[in-house]
Amino acid sequence: MRQIVLDTETTGLDPLNGDRVIEVAAVELFNLLPTGEAFHTLLDPERDIPADASRIHGFTNGDVAGKPKFAEIADRFLAFLGDADIIAHNAPFDFGFLDAELFRCKRPALDRTRMIDSLAMAKSRYPGMPNNLDALCRRLGVDNSMRGSHNAILDCQLLAQVYLELMGGKQPGLELAAKAKPRLVSLEVEAVARDALLITPGAEMLAAHEVFVKAKIKEAIWLKPPLAPEDQS
């Protein structure tokens, strides 16, 4: 199961009023665990960043000067998303901004059936409690000590851990899966080539096996002589 954890930083709160995306980050999950694959870039919003917005995420006009425009990274970004479900905290906010950016560069809007809102999940699980990312990290034991300001790639990494806990937490043995990068393969059998590796035991191994069988297994059926045809009826 491939999913994407996504976050954006913007110049303001409303894309319909001309606010733009200045940072986009996405982290790949496979079976709820990060694979190490990520997409991250700062963007030139083609407008000034208000001081109020800079106080929240820490980015200024100087930080985004010379960075690519959204239209320049749109295809690579969409390719990274693929057809995976997209997890975001207050997902309608991020989807709304990305849809506005995609509209500007004549790309289709993101399919809302792919949207997973971790904020809505948290509100359902912890009604009446603070459910921002910092509060959830503290409640669920996720270390967010490095989070000084809003930063999309760091927030994605933290949200990936929070989402795992919201989905039921780690299960025994998943740590091994987290270390292995998944390889996505086609399910078309005709396209899959399988190479068999033949292992032939040597004389020493065969002798050791025979000693083991005689010592541990009494009357091993495969050591008995075959039945005569008249005895098989």
Protein backbone atom coordinates (compact mmCIF):
# COMPACT_ATOMS: atom_id res chain seq x y z
CA MET A 1 0.00 0.00 0.00
CA ARG A 2 1.68 3.18 -1.22
CA GLN A 3 0.62 6.49 0.36
CA ILE A 4 2.02 10.03 0.33
CA VAL A 5 2.26 12.37 3.32
CA LEU A 6 2.04 15.94 2.04
CA ASP A 7 2.46 19.46 3.40
CA THR A 8 2.69 22.96 1.97
CA GLU A 9 3.69 26.39 3.21
CA THR A 10 2.02 29.43 1.67
CA THR A 11 2.01 33.21 1.55
CA GLY A 12 -1.36 33.33 3.32
CA LEU A 13 -4.61 31.54 3.99
CA ASP A 14 -6.69 31.92 0.83
CA PRO A 15 -5.65 30.98 -2.71
CA LEU A 16 -8.73 32.78 -4.06
CA ASN A 17 -7.25 36.04 -2.76
CA GLY A 18 -3.96 35.49 -4.58
CA ASP A 19 -2.02 33.61 -1.91
CA ARG A 20 0.49 31.14 -3.33
CA VAL A 21 2.48 28.05 -2.37
CA ILE A 22 6.10 28.72 -1.38
CA GLU A 23 7.10 25.22 -0.22
CA VAL A 24 5.81 21.77 -1.05
CA ALA A 25 6.98 18.50 0.48
CA ALA A 26 5.85 14.90 0.10
CA VAL A 27 7.11 11.76 1.82
CA GLU A 28 6.42 8.25 0.52
CA LEU A 29 4.95 5.58 2.81
CA PHE A 30 4.74 1.90 2.01
CA ASN A 31 2.51 -0.12 4.34
CA LEU A 32 2.40 2.93 6.67
CA LEU A 33 6.19 3.21 6.97
CA PRO A 34 8.47 5.81 5.35
CA THR A 35 10.59 4.43 2.52
CA GLY A 36 13.11 7.29 2.45
CA GLU A 37 11.77 8.60 -0.86
CA ALA A 38 10.66 12.24 -0.75
CA PHE A 39 9.87 15.27 -2.90
CA HIS A 40 10.74 18.73 -1.54
CA THR A 41 11.29 22.17 -2.96
CA LEU A 42 10.95 25.85 -2.18
CA LEU A 43 9.04 27.84 -4.79
CA ASP A 44 8.99 31.35 -6.16
CA PRO A 45 5.38 32.47 -5.40
CA GLU A 46 5.64 35.31 -7.90
CA ARG A 47 4.52 37.74 -5.22
CA ASP A 48 5.72 39.10 -1.87
CA ILE A 49 5.55 37.03 1.32
CA PRO A 50 3.70 39.04 4.00
CA ALA A 51 5.45 39.54 7.33
CA ASP A 52 2.61 37.74 9.15
CA ALA A 53 3.21 34.62 7.05
CA SER A 54 6.98 34.81 7.57
CA ARG A 55 6.46 34.82 11.34
CA ILE A 56 4.64 31.48 11.04
CA HIS A 57 6.89 29.50 8.69
CA GLY A 58 10.10 31.55 8.81
CA PHE A 59 10.49 32.04 5.05
CA THR A 60 11.16 35.49 3.60
CA ASN A 61 11.31 36.89 0.08
CA GLY A 62 15.06 36.31 0.09
CA ASP A 63 14.63 32.58 0.82
CA VAL A 64 12.56 32.01 -2.30
CA ALA A 65 14.39 34.34 -4.69
CA GLY A 66 15.56 32.35 -7.71
CA LYS A 67 13.62 29.24 -6.75
CA PRO A 68 11.56 27.44 -9.43
CA LYS A 69 7.99 28.44 -10.13
CA PHE A 70 5.29 25.86 -9.48
CA ALA A 71 4.68 25.35 -13.20
CA GLU A 72 8.33 24.26 -13.58
CA ILE A 73 8.00 21.43 -11.04
CA ALA A 74 4.35 20.47 -11.60
CA ASP A 75 5.00 17.40 -13.75
CA ARG A 76 7.72 16.01 -11.48
CA PHE A 77 5.52 16.61 -8.45
CA LEU A 78 2.51 14.87 -9.99
CA ALA A 79 4.72 11.96 -11.09
CA PHE A 80 5.92 11.54 -7.50
CA LEU A 81 2.35 11.54 -6.19
CA GLY A 82 1.34 8.92 -8.75
CA ASP A 83 -2.07 7.49 -7.91
CA ALA A 84 -1.38 7.07 -4.18
CA ASP A 85 -3.69 8.30 -1.46
CA ILE A 86 -2.53 11.64 -0.04
CA ILE A 87 -2.37 12.28 3.71
CA ALA A 88 -2.26 15.86 5.01
CA HIS A 89 -3.10 17.61 8.26
CA ASN A 90 -6.08 19.82 7.45
CA ALA A 91 -5.96 18.32 3.97
CA PRO A 92 -8.62 20.59 2.38
CA PHE A 93 -6.26 23.55 2.96
CA ASP A 94 -3.33 21.92 1.12
CA PHE A 95 -5.53 20.48 -1.62
CA GLY A 96 -7.14 23.89 -2.19
CA PHE A 97 -3.78 25.61 -2.67
CA LEU A 98 -2.39 22.86 -4.88
CA ASP A 99 -5.53 22.85 -7.01
CA ALA A 100 -5.14 26.61 -7.54
CA GLU A 101 -1.50 26.15 -8.58
CA LEU A 102 -2.40 23.24 -10.88
CA PHE A 103 -5.18 25.31 -12.46
CA ARG A 104 -2.71 28.10 -13.26
CA CYS A 105 -0.50 25.69 -15.20
CA LYS A 106 -3.41 23.90 -16.88
CA ARG A 107 -3.17 20.65 -14.95
CA PRO A 108 -6.18 18.74 -13.52
CA ALA A 109 -7.14 19.18 -9.87
CA LEU A 110 -6.26 16.48 -7.35
CA ASP A 111 -8.91 13.80 -6.95
CA ARG A 112 -10.65 14.34 -3.61
CA THR A 113 -11.23 10.60 -3.22
CA ARG A 114 -7.47 10.32 -2.64
CA MET A 115 -7.56 12.77 0.28
CA ILE A 116 -6.95 11.53 3.85
CA ASP A 117 -7.30 14.29 6.44
CA SER A 118 -5.29 13.38 9.54
CA LEU A 119 -6.79 16.37 11.38
CA ALA A 120 -10.30 14.97 10.91
CA MET A 121 -9.02 11.58 12.11
CA ALA A 122 -7.51 13.18 15.22
CA LYS A 123 -10.67 15.16 16.00
CA SER A 124 -12.71 11.97 15.79
CA ARG A 125 -10.31 10.15 18.11
CA TYR A 126 -9.70 13.05 20.54
CA PRO A 127 -12.86 15.20 20.47
CA GLY A 128 -12.61 18.51 22.27
CA MET A 129 -8.81 18.33 22.61
CA PRO A 130 -6.07 20.29 20.80
CA ASN A 131 -5.27 18.36 17.63
CA ASN A 132 -2.62 20.46 15.90
CA LEU A 133 0.57 18.64 14.93
CA ASP A 134 2.53 19.72 18.01
CA ALA A 135 -0.24 18.61 20.37
CA LEU A 136 -0.53 15.24 18.64
CA CYS A 137 3.23 14.71 18.77
CA ARG A 138 3.20 15.29 22.53
CA ARG A 139 0.14 13.09 23.06
CA LEU A 140 1.41 10.22 20.93
CA GLY A 141 5.04 10.29 22.02
CA VAL A 142 6.51 11.59 18.76
CA ASP A 143 9.69 13.62 19.25
CA ASN A 144 9.14 17.08 17.75
CA SER A 145 11.94 18.86 19.61
CA MET A 146 13.59 19.92 16.33
CA ARG A 147 10.46 21.75 15.15
CA GLY A 148 11.22 25.44 15.65
CA SER A 149 8.86 26.74 12.97
CA HIS A 150 6.55 25.36 10.28
CA ASN A 151 8.68 23.50 7.76
CA ALA A 152 6.98 21.33 5.17
CA ILE A 153 9.48 18.47 4.92
CA LEU A 154 9.93 18.21 8.69
CA ASP A 155 6.17 18.40 9.20
CA CYS A 156 5.74 15.55 6.71
CA GLN A 157 8.21 13.41 8.62
CA LEU A 158 6.45 14.12 11.92
CA LEU A 159 3.01 13.59 10.43
CA ALA A 160 4.10 10.22 9.05
CA GLN A 161 4.82 9.10 12.62
CA VAL A 162 1.61 10.64 13.96
CA TYR A 163 -0.44 8.98 11.21
CA LEU A 164 1.08 5.59 12.02
CA GLU A 165 0.01 6.04 15.65
CA LEU A 166 -3.48 7.18 14.62
CA MET A 167 -3.76 4.03 12.53
CA GLY A 168 -2.96 1.84 15.53
CA GLY A 169 0.75 2.20 16.15
CA LYS A 170 3.74 0.05 15.31
CA GLN A 171 3.36 -3.69 15.19
CA PRO A 172 6.14 -6.17 16.08
CA GLY A 173 8.51 -6.76 13.18
CA LEU A 174 7.69 -3.61 11.26
CA GLU A 175 11.08 -2.11 12.11
CA LEU A 176 12.67 -4.50 9.59
CA ALA A 177 10.24 -3.39 6.91
CA ALA A 178 11.12 0.24 7.60
CA LYS A 179 14.75 -0.42 6.68
CA ALA A 180 13.94 -2.02 3.35
CA LYS A 181 13.07 0.12 0.35
CA PRO A 182 10.03 -1.41 -1.34
CA ARG A 183 10.18 -2.26 -5.01
CA LEU A 184 6.92 -1.63 -6.81
CA VAL A 185 6.40 -4.27 -9.48
CA SER A 186 3.80 -4.95 -12.15
CA LEU A 187 1.14 -7.51 -11.31
CA GLU A 188 1.02 -8.71 -14.92
CA VAL A 189 2.34 -12.27 -14.73
CA GLU A 190 3.49 -12.22 -18.35
CA ALA A 191 5.90 -9.38 -17.56
CA VAL A 192 7.57 -11.11 -14.60
CA ALA A 193 10.67 -13.22 -15.20
CA ARG A 194 11.63 -15.61 -12.41
CA ASP A 195 15.14 -17.09 -12.21
CA ALA A 196 15.52 -20.28 -10.14
CA LEU A 197 18.73 -20.89 -8.22
CA LEU A 198 19.57 -24.62 -7.98
CA ILE A 199 21.45 -25.57 -4.81
CA THR A 200 23.09 -29.01 -4.89
CA PRO A 201 24.27 -30.41 -1.50
CA GLY A 202 27.74 -31.90 -1.36
CA ALA A 203 28.71 -35.36 -0.11
CA GLU A 204 29.57 -34.07 3.38
CA MET A 205 26.18 -32.36 3.73
CA LEU A 206 24.34 -35.48 2.51
CA ALA A 207 26.22 -37.69 4.98
CA ALA A 208 25.45 -35.33 7.87
CA HIS A 209 21.78 -35.30 6.87
CA GLU A 210 21.66 -39.12 6.81
CA VAL A 211 23.18 -39.33 10.30
CA PHE A 212 20.67 -36.75 11.58
CA VAL A 213 17.69 -38.59 10.08
CA LYS A 214 18.73 -41.95 11.53
CA ALA A 215 19.28 -40.43 14.97
CA LYS A 216 16.16 -38.25 15.17
CA ILE A 217 13.50 -39.91 13.01
CA LYS A 218 12.51 -43.51 13.57
CA GLU A 219 11.19 -45.50 10.64
CA ALA A 220 11.37 -42.58 8.19
CA ILE A 221 8.87 -43.46 5.53
CA TRP A 222 11.07 -42.30 2.66
CA LEU A 223 13.83 -44.74 3.73
CA LYS A 224 11.58 -47.77 3.47
CA PRO A 225 11.70 -49.86 0.27
CA PRO A 226 8.82 -49.21 -2.13
CA LEU A 227 5.82 -51.52 -1.90
CA ALA A 228 5.43 -54.25 -4.44
CA PRO A 229 2.56 -53.68 -6.91
CA GLU A 230 0.43 -56.36 -5.24
CA ASP A 231 0.78 -54.61 -1.86
CA GLN A 232 -0.41 -51.22 -3.15
CA SER A 233 -4.02 -52.25 -3.73
